[in-house]
Amino acid sequence: MQRLSFIILAALAVLAVACTKNMEAGTPDFQVSLDPAKRVADTFTYKLGDTTRFLFSGSAGNIAFYSGEAGKRYANRQLSYGIGDIILSFSSKSEFGTQKNTLKVLATNKLAGLDSATVVNAQWTDITSRAALATSATVVNSGTVDLTDLVANEKDSLFIAFKYDGVTGSTQRTWTITNYVVSNVFPGMTYTVGSLSTDASYWTRYGNVWTPASARWTATANDLKITGGNASSATNTSWIVSKPLYAGKLPPDVSTGIKSINEPAKTGYDYKYNAPGIYKATFVAFNHTLDEERSVVRELIIKVIP
């Protein structure tokens, strides 16, 4: 009986060790090479339109590729921050009536709350003069409205507001805003910070009079619109304010999956760059289990000439 108990305890001990041991992933034995005839020092040179043929040796369960082009850089694979030129652009048209100066475009990075008192009394910067506005039903593009000076740092927020004033006594104007986009612009890359298509549900409306009920902004994925009343309508002030725009928040760059663990081994990969420049092409090869992942990174400098 004692011998049986000892055997059971030993078996349980072995089972416990087996259950607590992690499933290990081996480090990939993976190398990348290019045509040595293209090499000068540490750079491989190709003409625009040529196919860059990367040759693989060794093996890896998974392979991802960063071409080094804008939006596809290994160094930017994690969320980061940076300020380029913060640019607002939109189109407008103004219909009916002859009332002047009925629309103001405002911006602030100091909005402590979204209640009406806080919004109306905030330190808004009037940026109307920076934009071209319509004077009739003919659609006018605002041009490039530079807001960089209104962003204090890369983690600062920015709010855009359209403020409408319609006065009783004459036909009030109707405004339509389309093609609204706020961008963070770097050389060779533009990040969209806000747009009508993505922000339709996030605009907030304020005002002191809702007579007629239509004297209030509406927001859709296609436009922002406010319909003025007739000559007998009350004087109206109506605001519509964007969500907080974190202009310096940059999305991570992305890779292209070349091979997954379920696919057969690959001997290489062909890629064609679409513009002259110098690119750091990066391959990440990795093996993983439920418990761990091991990877290797291989980088090559590619120069594409006209």
C-alpha atoms as a PDB file:
ATOM      1  CA  MET A   1       0.000   0.000   0.000  1.00  0.00           C
ATOM      2  CA  GLN A   2       2.849   2.351   0.852  1.00  0.00           C
ATOM      3  CA  ARG A   3       4.543   1.507  -2.472  1.00  0.00           C
ATOM      4  CA  LEU A   4       1.333   2.287  -4.377  1.00  0.00           C
ATOM      5  CA  SER A   5       0.994   5.642  -2.604  1.00  0.00           C
ATOM      6  CA  PHE A   6       4.581   6.525  -3.481  1.00  0.00           C
ATOM      7  CA  ILE A   7       3.994   5.681  -7.169  1.00  0.00           C
ATOM      8  CA  ILE A   8       0.830   7.837  -7.252  1.00  0.00           C
ATOM      9  CA  LEU A   9       2.602  10.766  -5.610  1.00  0.00           C
ATOM     10  CA  ALA A  10       5.513  10.499  -8.023  1.00  0.00           C
ATOM     11  CA  ALA A  11       3.169  10.433 -10.994  1.00  0.00           C
ATOM     12  CA  LEU A  12       1.324  13.474  -9.704  1.00  0.00           C
ATOM     13  CA  ALA A  13       4.613  15.333  -9.272  1.00  0.00           C
ATOM     14  CA  VAL A  14       5.636  14.562 -12.855  1.00  0.00           C
ATOM     15  CA  LEU A  15       2.211  15.673 -14.098  1.00  0.00           C
ATOM     16  CA  ALA A  16       2.447  18.925 -12.137  1.00  0.00           C
ATOM     17  CA  VAL A  17       5.857  19.695 -13.636  1.00  0.00           C
ATOM     18  CA  ALA A  18       4.564  18.911 -17.125  1.00  0.00           C
ATOM     19  CA  CYS A  19       1.536  21.169 -16.643  1.00  0.00           C
ATOM     20  CA  THR A  20       3.563  24.123 -15.400  1.00  0.00           C
ATOM     21  CA  LYS A  21       6.253  23.926 -18.076  1.00  0.00           C
ATOM     22  CA  ASN A  22       5.790  26.577 -20.744  1.00  0.00           C
ATOM     23  CA  MET A  23       5.524  25.659 -24.385  1.00  0.00           C
ATOM     24  CA  GLU A  24       8.715  27.084 -25.837  1.00  0.00           C
ATOM     25  CA  ALA A  25       9.070  28.797 -29.197  1.00  0.00           C
ATOM     26  CA  GLY A  26      12.341  28.434 -31.026  1.00  0.00           C
ATOM     27  CA  THR A  27      14.154  31.507 -32.331  1.00  0.00           C
ATOM     28  CA  PRO A  28      13.724  31.713 -36.136  1.00  0.00           C
ATOM     29  CA  ASP A  29      16.747  30.859 -38.242  1.00  0.00           C
ATOM     30  CA  PHE A  30      15.931  33.471 -40.850  1.00  0.00           C
ATOM     31  CA  GLN A  31      18.078  35.588 -43.179  1.00  0.00           C
ATOM     32  CA  VAL A  32      17.284  38.043 -46.002  1.00  0.00           C
ATOM     33  CA  SER A  33      19.559  38.973 -48.893  1.00  0.00           C
ATOM     34  CA  LEU A  34      19.470  41.012 -52.103  1.00  0.00           C
ATOM     35  CA  ASP A  35      21.350  40.912 -55.380  1.00  0.00           C
ATOM     36  CA  PRO A  36      24.965  41.715 -54.383  1.00  0.00           C
ATOM     37  CA  ALA A  37      25.463  43.485 -57.724  1.00  0.00           C
ATOM     38  CA  LYS A  38      23.065  46.171 -56.476  1.00  0.00           C
ATOM     39  CA  ARG A  39      25.107  46.881 -53.374  1.00  0.00           C
ATOM     40  CA  VAL A  40      27.257  49.936 -52.748  1.00  0.00           C
ATOM     41  CA  ALA A  41      28.540  50.066 -49.159  1.00  0.00           C
ATOM     42  CA  ASP A  42      25.459  49.246 -47.046  1.00  0.00           C
ATOM     43  CA  THR A  43      22.866  50.365 -49.622  1.00  0.00           C
ATOM     44  CA  PHE A  44      21.187  48.458 -52.432  1.00  0.00           C
ATOM     45  CA  THR A  45      20.281  50.676 -55.396  1.00  0.00           C
ATOM     46  CA  TYR A  46      17.392  50.084 -57.804  1.00  0.00           C
ATOM     47  CA  LYS A  47      15.824  52.138 -60.569  1.00  0.00           C
ATOM     48  CA  LEU A  48      12.241  53.290 -60.267  1.00  0.00           C
ATOM     49  CA  GLY A  49      10.030  50.593 -61.734  1.00  0.00           C
ATOM     50  CA  ASP A  50      12.461  47.768 -60.921  1.00  0.00           C
ATOM     51  CA  THR A  51      11.307  44.861 -58.802  1.00  0.00           C
ATOM     52  CA  THR A  52      13.214  44.471 -55.545  1.00  0.00           C
ATOM     53  CA  ARG A  53      13.620  40.724 -55.048  1.00  0.00           C
ATOM     54  CA  PHE A  54      14.306  39.761 -51.441  1.00  0.00           C
ATOM     55  CA  LEU A  55      15.736  36.249 -51.034  1.00  0.00           C
ATOM     56  CA  PHE A  56      15.096  34.214 -47.869  1.00  0.00           C
ATOM     57  CA  SER A  57      17.140  31.495 -46.231  1.00  0.00           C
ATOM     58  CA  GLY A  58      16.463  29.541 -43.074  1.00  0.00           C
ATOM     59  CA  SER A  59      12.963  29.216 -41.741  1.00  0.00           C
ATOM     60  CA  ALA A  60      10.323  31.035 -39.721  1.00  0.00           C
ATOM     61  CA  GLY A  61       6.721  30.363 -38.804  1.00  0.00           C
ATOM     62  CA  ASN A  62       5.594  33.909 -39.547  1.00  0.00           C
ATOM     63  CA  ILE A  63       7.073  36.800 -41.542  1.00  0.00           C
ATOM     64  CA  ALA A  64       5.946  40.447 -41.631  1.00  0.00           C
ATOM     65  CA  PHE A  65       7.322  43.150 -43.929  1.00  0.00           C
ATOM     66  CA  TYR A  66       7.683  46.911 -43.427  1.00  0.00           C
ATOM     67  CA  SER A  67       8.666  48.548 -46.729  1.00  0.00           C
ATOM     68  CA  GLY A  68      10.026  51.719 -45.129  1.00  0.00           C
ATOM     69  CA  GLU A  69       7.550  53.933 -47.007  1.00  0.00           C
ATOM     70  CA  ALA A  70       5.359  56.444 -45.212  1.00  0.00           C
ATOM     71  CA  GLY A  71       2.890  54.559 -43.019  1.00  0.00           C
ATOM     72  CA  LYS A  72       4.921  51.348 -43.340  1.00  0.00           C
ATOM     73  CA  ARG A  73       7.970  51.946 -41.147  1.00  0.00           C
ATOM     74  CA  TYR A  74       9.096  49.499 -38.498  1.00  0.00           C
ATOM     75  CA  ALA A  75      10.319  52.322 -36.230  1.00  0.00           C
ATOM     76  CA  ASN A  76       6.748  53.696 -36.133  1.00  0.00           C
ATOM     77  CA  ARG A  77       4.996  50.408 -35.437  1.00  0.00           C
ATOM     78  CA  GLN A  78       3.722  51.603 -32.050  1.00  0.00           C
ATOM     79  CA  LEU A  79       1.380  54.507 -31.337  1.00  0.00           C
ATOM     80  CA  SER A  80       3.362  57.724 -31.152  1.00  0.00           C
ATOM     81  CA  TYR A  81       2.957  61.495 -31.092  1.00  0.00           C
ATOM     82  CA  GLY A  82       4.170  64.316 -33.290  1.00  0.00           C
ATOM     83  CA  ILE A  83       3.100  67.698 -34.619  1.00  0.00           C
ATOM     84  CA  GLY A  84       3.464  68.620 -38.272  1.00  0.00           C
ATOM     85  CA  ASP A  85       1.269  71.305 -39.821  1.00  0.00           C
ATOM     86  CA  ILE A  86      -2.257  71.182 -38.391  1.00  0.00           C
ATOM     87  CA  ILE A  87      -4.502  72.029 -41.332  1.00  0.00           C
ATOM     88  CA  LEU A  88      -8.257  72.630 -41.505  1.00  0.00           C
ATOM     89  CA  SER A  89     -10.085  72.683 -44.817  1.00  0.00           C
ATOM     90  CA  PHE A  90     -13.774  72.705 -45.738  1.00  0.00           C
ATOM     91  CA  SER A  91     -16.201  73.979 -48.363  1.00  0.00           C
ATOM     92  CA  SER A  92     -19.180  76.236 -47.749  1.00  0.00           C
ATOM     93  CA  LYS A  93     -22.205  77.707 -49.446  1.00  0.00           C
ATOM     94  CA  SER A  94     -24.550  80.442 -48.178  1.00  0.00           C
ATOM     95  CA  GLU A  95     -28.097  80.531 -49.526  1.00  0.00           C
ATOM     96  CA  PHE A  96     -30.999  82.977 -49.309  1.00  0.00           C
ATOM     97  CA  GLY A  97     -31.092  86.458 -47.874  1.00  0.00           C
ATOM     98  CA  THR A  98     -28.393  89.103 -47.749  1.00  0.00           C
ATOM     99  CA  GLN A  99     -27.409  89.175 -44.087  1.00  0.00           C
ATOM    100  CA  LYS A 100     -23.642  89.532 -43.720  1.00  0.00           C
ATOM    101  CA  ASN A 101     -21.121  88.048 -41.282  1.00  0.00           C
ATOM    102  CA  THR A 102     -23.552  85.392 -40.124  1.00  0.00           C
ATOM    103  CA  LEU A 103     -20.930  82.632 -39.822  1.00  0.00           C
ATOM    104  CA  LYS A 104     -17.805  82.543 -37.682  1.00  0.00           C
ATOM    105  CA  VAL A 105     -15.233  79.768 -37.551  1.00  0.00           C
ATOM    106  CA  LEU A 106     -13.579  79.380 -34.149  1.00  0.00           C
ATOM    107  CA  ALA A 107     -10.946  77.160 -32.533  1.00  0.00           C
ATOM    108  CA  THR A 108      -9.613  76.575 -29.033  1.00  0.00           C
ATOM    109  CA  ASN A 109      -7.413  74.179 -27.118  1.00  0.00           C
ATOM    110  CA  LYS A 110      -8.923  75.315 -23.798  1.00  0.00           C
ATOM    111  CA  LEU A 111     -12.373  73.810 -23.336  1.00  0.00           C
ATOM    112  CA  ALA A 112     -12.842  72.559 -19.796  1.00  0.00           C
ATOM    113  CA  GLY A 113     -16.344  71.209 -20.344  1.00  0.00           C
ATOM    114  CA  LEU A 114     -19.101  70.769 -22.904  1.00  0.00           C
ATOM    115  CA  ASP A 115     -21.925  72.532 -21.071  1.00  0.00           C
ATOM    116  CA  SER A 116     -23.287  75.582 -22.881  1.00  0.00           C
ATOM    117  CA  ALA A 117     -21.860  78.160 -20.447  1.00  0.00           C
ATOM    118  CA  THR A 118     -18.357  76.718 -20.707  1.00  0.00           C
ATOM    119  CA  VAL A 119     -18.511  76.570 -24.492  1.00  0.00           C
ATOM    120  CA  VAL A 120     -19.836  80.100 -24.984  1.00  0.00           C
ATOM    121  CA  ASN A 121     -17.357  81.630 -22.501  1.00  0.00           C
ATOM    122  CA  ALA A 122     -14.269  79.670 -23.583  1.00  0.00           C
ATOM    123  CA  GLN A 123     -11.155  81.365 -24.966  1.00  0.00           C
ATOM    124  CA  TRP A 124     -11.993  80.890 -28.623  1.00  0.00           C
ATOM    125  CA  THR A 125      -9.710  82.145 -31.376  1.00  0.00           C
ATOM    126  CA  ASP A 126     -11.641  83.601 -34.296  1.00  0.00           C
ATOM    127  CA  ILE A 127     -10.111  81.973 -37.387  1.00  0.00           C
ATOM    128  CA  THR A 128     -12.811  83.152 -39.819  1.00  0.00           C
ATOM    129  CA  SER A 129     -10.382  85.464 -41.612  1.00  0.00           C
ATOM    130  CA  ARG A 130      -8.044  82.547 -42.296  1.00  0.00           C
ATOM    131  CA  ALA A 131     -10.666  80.835 -44.471  1.00  0.00           C
ATOM    132  CA  ALA A 132     -12.455  81.782 -47.670  1.00  0.00           C
ATOM    133  CA  LEU A 133     -16.226  81.644 -47.107  1.00  0.00           C
ATOM    134  CA  ALA A 134     -19.075  81.502 -49.580  1.00  0.00           C
ATOM    135  CA  THR A 135     -21.180  84.608 -50.255  1.00  0.00           C
ATOM    136  CA  SER A 136     -23.828  82.820 -52.313  1.00  0.00           C
ATOM    137  CA  ALA A 137     -25.066  79.365 -53.264  1.00  0.00           C
ATOM    138  CA  THR A 138     -21.801  78.862 -55.169  1.00  0.00           C
ATOM    139  CA  VAL A 139     -19.640  76.449 -53.182  1.00  0.00           C
ATOM    140  CA  VAL A 140     -16.326  77.961 -52.061  1.00  0.00           C
ATOM    141  CA  ASN A 141     -13.337  76.028 -50.761  1.00  0.00           C
ATOM    142  CA  SER A 142     -11.820  77.475 -47.590  1.00  0.00           C
ATOM    143  CA  GLY A 143      -8.260  76.931 -48.750  1.00  0.00           C
ATOM    144  CA  THR A 144      -5.572  75.737 -46.354  1.00  0.00           C
ATOM    145  CA  VAL A 145      -6.361  76.992 -42.855  1.00  0.00           C
ATOM    146  CA  ASP A 146      -3.229  76.589 -40.723  1.00  0.00           C
ATOM    147  CA  LEU A 147      -4.025  75.936 -37.044  1.00  0.00           C
ATOM    148  CA  THR A 148      -0.556  74.857 -35.923  1.00  0.00           C
ATOM    149  CA  ASP A 149      -0.183  77.929 -33.710  1.00  0.00           C
ATOM    150  CA  LEU A 150      -3.248  76.860 -31.712  1.00  0.00           C
ATOM    151  CA  VAL A 151      -1.818  73.493 -30.640  1.00  0.00           C
ATOM    152  CA  ALA A 152       0.434  73.846 -27.610  1.00  0.00           C
ATOM    153  CA  ASN A 153       2.086  70.416 -27.735  1.00  0.00           C
ATOM    154  CA  GLU A 154       1.781  67.007 -29.334  1.00  0.00           C
ATOM    155  CA  LYS A 155      -0.709  65.754 -26.706  1.00  0.00           C
ATOM    156  CA  ASP A 156      -2.873  68.866 -26.771  1.00  0.00           C
ATOM    157  CA  SER A 157      -6.527  68.754 -27.829  1.00  0.00           C
ATOM    158  CA  LEU A 158      -8.166  71.092 -30.317  1.00  0.00           C
ATOM    159  CA  PHE A 159     -11.837  72.004 -30.812  1.00  0.00           C
ATOM    160  CA  ILE A 160     -13.356  73.530 -33.959  1.00  0.00           C
ATOM    161  CA  ALA A 161     -16.650  75.443 -33.794  1.00  0.00           C
ATOM    162  CA  PHE A 162     -18.976  76.987 -36.357  1.00  0.00           C
ATOM    163  CA  LYS A 163     -21.031  79.804 -34.844  1.00  0.00           C
ATOM    164  CA  TYR A 164     -24.108  81.134 -36.653  1.00  0.00           C
ATOM    165  CA  ASP A 165     -26.009  84.372 -36.043  1.00  0.00           C
ATOM    166  CA  GLY A 166     -29.307  85.079 -37.758  1.00  0.00           C
ATOM    167  CA  VAL A 167     -31.058  88.403 -37.117  1.00  0.00           C
ATOM    168  CA  THR A 168     -34.797  89.064 -37.173  1.00  0.00           C
ATOM    169  CA  GLY A 169     -36.072  91.587 -39.702  1.00  0.00           C
ATOM    170  CA  SER A 170     -34.825  90.013 -42.933  1.00  0.00           C
ATOM    171  CA  THR A 171     -34.398  86.547 -44.409  1.00  0.00           C
ATOM    172  CA  GLN A 172     -31.764  84.648 -42.473  1.00  0.00           C
ATOM    173  CA  ARG A 173     -29.081  82.819 -44.407  1.00  0.00           C
ATOM    174  CA  THR A 174     -28.754  79.058 -44.728  1.00  0.00           C
ATOM    175  CA  TRP A 175     -25.206  77.636 -44.454  1.00  0.00           C
ATOM    176  CA  THR A 176     -23.924  74.257 -45.570  1.00  0.00           C
ATOM    177  CA  ILE A 177     -20.424  73.024 -44.691  1.00  0.00           C
ATOM    178  CA  THR A 178     -18.970  70.111 -46.672  1.00  0.00           C
ATOM    179  CA  ASN A 179     -15.563  68.447 -47.165  1.00  0.00           C
ATOM    180  CA  TYR A 180     -14.542  69.267 -43.578  1.00  0.00           C
ATOM    181  CA  VAL A 181     -11.160  67.713 -42.734  1.00  0.00           C
ATOM    182  CA  VAL A 182      -8.541  68.412 -40.062  1.00  0.00           C
ATOM    183  CA  SER A 183      -5.118  66.950 -40.875  1.00  0.00           C
ATOM    184  CA  ASN A 184      -1.686  66.593 -39.304  1.00  0.00           C
ATOM    185  CA  VAL A 185       0.642  67.041 -42.266  1.00  0.00           C
ATOM    186  CA  PHE A 186       4.256  65.845 -42.427  1.00  0.00           C
ATOM    187  CA  PRO A 187       6.568  65.710 -45.446  1.00  0.00           C
ATOM    188  CA  GLY A 188       5.427  62.676 -47.398  1.00  0.00           C
ATOM    189  CA  MET A 189       2.595  61.740 -45.017  1.00  0.00           C
ATOM    190  CA  THR A 190      -0.768  63.178 -43.975  1.00  0.00           C
ATOM    191  CA  TYR A 191      -2.773  61.920 -40.989  1.00  0.00           C
ATOM    192  CA  THR A 192      -6.491  62.654 -40.800  1.00  0.00           C
ATOM    193  CA  VAL A 193      -7.431  63.956 -37.358  1.00  0.00           C
ATOM    194  CA  GLY A 194     -11.111  64.660 -37.983  1.00  0.00           C
ATOM    195  CA  SER A 195     -13.596  64.541 -40.856  1.00  0.00           C
ATOM    196  CA  LEU A 196     -17.329  64.649 -41.518  1.00  0.00           C
ATOM    197  CA  SER A 197     -17.473  60.973 -42.417  1.00  0.00           C
ATOM    198  CA  THR A 198     -15.923  59.815 -39.132  1.00  0.00           C
ATOM    199  CA  ASP A 199     -17.200  62.461 -36.706  1.00  0.00           C
ATOM    200  CA  ALA A 200     -20.890  62.853 -37.585  1.00  0.00           C
ATOM    201  CA  SER A 201     -22.054  61.455 -34.238  1.00  0.00           C
ATOM    202  CA  TYR A 202     -19.674  63.550 -32.131  1.00  0.00           C
ATOM    203  CA  TRP A 203     -20.643  67.139 -32.960  1.00  0.00           C
ATOM    204  CA  THR A 204     -22.351  69.001 -30.086  1.00  0.00           C
ATOM    205  CA  ARG A 205     -24.926  71.763 -30.655  1.00  0.00           C
ATOM    206  CA  TYR A 206     -25.615  74.847 -28.552  1.00  0.00           C
ATOM    207  CA  GLY A 207     -27.720  77.977 -28.881  1.00  0.00           C
ATOM    208  CA  ASN A 208     -29.932  80.451 -27.071  1.00  0.00           C
ATOM    209  CA  VAL A 209     -33.055  80.333 -29.278  1.00  0.00           C
ATOM    210  CA  TRP A 210     -34.652  77.426 -31.198  1.00  0.00           C
ATOM    211  CA  THR A 211     -37.413  79.350 -32.973  1.00  0.00           C
ATOM    212  CA  PRO A 212     -37.939  78.073 -35.569  1.00  0.00           C
ATOM    213  CA  ALA A 213     -36.790  74.598 -34.595  1.00  0.00           C
ATOM    214  CA  SER A 214     -34.811  74.434 -37.843  1.00  0.00           C
ATOM    215  CA  ALA A 215     -32.599  77.295 -36.612  1.00  0.00           C
ATOM    216  CA  ARG A 216     -30.143  74.788 -35.288  1.00  0.00           C
ATOM    217  CA  TRP A 217     -27.204  72.943 -36.787  1.00  0.00           C
ATOM    218  CA  THR A 218     -27.553  69.396 -38.069  1.00  0.00           C
ATOM    219  CA  ALA A 219     -24.611  67.057 -38.604  1.00  0.00           C
ATOM    220  CA  THR A 220     -24.372  64.136 -41.011  1.00  0.00           C
ATOM    221  CA  ALA A 221     -21.541  62.227 -42.624  1.00  0.00           C
ATOM    222  CA  ASN A 222     -21.936  64.523 -45.641  1.00  0.00           C
ATOM    223  CA  ASP A 223     -22.417  68.014 -44.223  1.00  0.00           C
ATOM    224  CA  LEU A 224     -23.058  70.429 -41.375  1.00  0.00           C
ATOM    225  CA  LYS A 225     -26.108  72.578 -42.070  1.00  0.00           C
ATOM    226  CA  ILE A 226     -28.145  75.326 -40.475  1.00  0.00           C
ATOM    227  CA  THR A 227     -31.337  76.680 -42.034  1.00  0.00           C
ATOM    228  CA  GLY A 228     -32.133  80.307 -41.297  1.00  0.00           C
ATOM    229  CA  GLY A 229     -35.659  81.572 -40.673  1.00  0.00           C
ATOM    230  CA  ASN A 230     -37.711  84.156 -42.582  1.00  0.00           C
ATOM    231  CA  ALA A 231     -37.799  87.885 -41.855  1.00  0.00           C
ATOM    232  CA  SER A 232     -40.180  87.458 -38.911  1.00  0.00           C
ATOM    233  CA  SER A 233     -38.111  84.749 -37.238  1.00  0.00           C
ATOM    234  CA  ALA A 234     -36.429  85.537 -33.950  1.00  0.00           C
ATOM    235  CA  THR A 235     -32.744  86.379 -33.721  1.00  0.00           C
ATOM    236  CA  ASN A 236     -30.842  83.095 -33.419  1.00  0.00           C
ATOM    237  CA  THR A 237     -27.369  82.173 -32.222  1.00  0.00           C
ATOM    238  CA  SER A 238     -26.386  78.574 -32.847  1.00  0.00           C
ATOM    239  CA  TRP A 239     -23.086  76.758 -32.278  1.00  0.00           C
ATOM    240  CA  ILE A 240     -21.834  73.372 -33.388  1.00  0.00           C
ATOM    241  CA  VAL A 241     -18.603  72.124 -31.806  1.00  0.00           C
ATOM    242  CA  SER A 242     -16.341  69.252 -32.836  1.00  0.00           C
ATOM    243  CA  LYS A 243     -15.166  66.463 -30.604  1.00  0.00           C
ATOM    244  CA  PRO A 244     -11.728  66.992 -29.016  1.00  0.00           C
ATOM    245  CA  LEU A 245      -9.191  66.517 -31.787  1.00  0.00           C
ATOM    246  CA  TYR A 246      -5.881  65.071 -30.584  1.00  0.00           C
ATOM    247  CA  ALA A 247      -3.916  66.393 -33.511  1.00  0.00           C
ATOM    248  CA  GLY A 248      -0.542  65.016 -32.438  1.00  0.00           C
ATOM    249  CA  LYS A 249      -1.707  61.442 -31.863  1.00  0.00           C
ATOM    250  CA  LEU A 250      -0.271  59.342 -34.670  1.00  0.00           C
ATOM    251  CA  PRO A 251      -1.604  55.894 -35.579  1.00  0.00           C
ATOM    252  CA  PRO A 252       0.975  53.098 -35.732  1.00  0.00           C
ATOM    253  CA  ASP A 253       2.510  52.175 -39.050  1.00  0.00           C
ATOM    254  CA  VAL A 254       1.480  48.815 -40.452  1.00  0.00           C
ATOM    255  CA  SER A 255       3.221  45.803 -41.903  1.00  0.00           C
ATOM    256  CA  THR A 256       2.310  43.395 -44.676  1.00  0.00           C
ATOM    257  CA  GLY A 257       1.951  39.769 -43.690  1.00  0.00           C
ATOM    258  CA  ILE A 258       4.076  37.613 -45.981  1.00  0.00           C
ATOM    259  CA  LYS A 259       3.818  34.231 -44.306  1.00  0.00           C
ATOM    260  CA  SER A 260       1.802  32.651 -41.500  1.00  0.00           C
ATOM    261  CA  ILE A 261       2.569  29.481 -39.604  1.00  0.00           C
ATOM    262  CA  ASN A 262      -0.003  27.578 -41.664  1.00  0.00           C
ATOM    263  CA  GLU A 263       1.693  28.360 -44.982  1.00  0.00           C
ATOM    264  CA  PRO A 264       4.626  26.545 -46.582  1.00  0.00           C
ATOM    265  CA  ALA A 265       8.116  28.006 -46.434  1.00  0.00           C
ATOM    266  CA  LYS A 266       8.856  30.902 -48.792  1.00  0.00           C
ATOM    267  CA  THR A 267      12.077  31.422 -50.675  1.00  0.00           C
ATOM    268  CA  GLY A 268      11.643  35.138 -51.224  1.00  0.00           C
ATOM    269  CA  TYR A 269       9.439  38.152 -51.720  1.00  0.00           C
ATOM    270  CA  ASP A 270       9.098  40.648 -54.582  1.00  0.00           C
ATOM    271  CA  TYR A 271       8.288  44.302 -54.007  1.00  0.00           C
ATOM    272  CA  LYS A 272       8.159  47.397 -56.200  1.00  0.00           C
ATOM    273  CA  TYR A 273       8.666  50.904 -54.780  1.00  0.00           C
ATOM    274  CA  ASN A 274       6.523  53.597 -56.375  1.00  0.00           C
ATOM    275  CA  ALA A 275       8.693  56.665 -55.746  1.00  0.00           C
ATOM    276  CA  PRO A 276      12.396  57.549 -55.604  1.00  0.00           C
ATOM    277  CA  GLY A 277      13.858  57.691 -52.119  1.00  0.00           C
ATOM    278  CA  ILE A 278      15.838  55.847 -49.488  1.00  0.00           C
ATOM    279  CA  TYR A 279      13.925  53.183 -47.576  1.00  0.00           C
ATOM    280  CA  LYS A 280      14.744  50.920 -44.654  1.00  0.00           C
ATOM    281  CA  ALA A 281      13.100  47.625 -45.563  1.00  0.00           C
ATOM    282  CA  THR A 282      12.442  45.542 -42.452  1.00  0.00           C
ATOM    283  CA  PHE A 283      11.443  41.909 -42.091  1.00  0.00           C
ATOM    284  CA  VAL A 284      10.230  40.555 -38.763  1.00  0.00           C
ATOM    285  CA  ALA A 285      10.305  36.765 -38.528  1.00  0.00           C
ATOM    286  CA  PHE A 286       8.744  35.179 -35.465  1.00  0.00           C
ATOM    287  CA  ASN A 287       7.713  31.860 -33.987  1.00  0.00           C
ATOM    288  CA  HIS A 288       5.172  31.704 -31.215  1.00  0.00           C
ATOM    289  CA  THR A 289       3.265  29.349 -28.974  1.00  0.00           C
ATOM    290  CA  LEU A 290       0.521  30.028 -26.460  1.00  0.00           C
ATOM    291  CA  ASP A 291       3.193  30.868 -23.896  1.00  0.00           C
ATOM    292  CA  GLU A 292       5.878  32.831 -25.710  1.00  0.00           C
ATOM    293  CA  GLU A 293       7.118  34.433 -28.895  1.00  0.00           C
ATOM    294  CA  ARG A 294      10.620  34.739 -30.281  1.00  0.00           C
ATOM    295  CA  SER A 295      11.568  36.891 -33.221  1.00  0.00           C
ATOM    296  CA  VAL A 296      14.416  38.232 -35.305  1.00  0.00           C
ATOM    297  CA  VAL A 297      14.536  41.497 -37.248  1.00  0.00           C
ATOM    298  CA  ARG A 298      16.377  41.867 -40.562  1.00  0.00           C
ATOM    299  CA  GLU A 299      16.870  45.299 -42.139  1.00  0.00           C
ATOM    300  CA  LEU A 300      18.225  46.417 -45.509  1.00  0.00           C
ATOM    301  CA  ILE A 301      18.678  49.903 -46.941  1.00  0.00           C
ATOM    302  CA  ILE A 302      17.065  50.386 -50.359  1.00  0.00           C
ATOM    303  CA  LYS A 303      17.779  53.379 -52.591  1.00  0.00           C
ATOM    304  CA  VAL A 304      15.387  53.960 -55.481  1.00  0.00           C
ATOM    305  CA  ILE A 305      16.596  56.341 -58.169  1.00  0.00           C
ATOM    306  CA  PRO A 306      14.633  57.896 -61.069  1.00  0.00           C
END
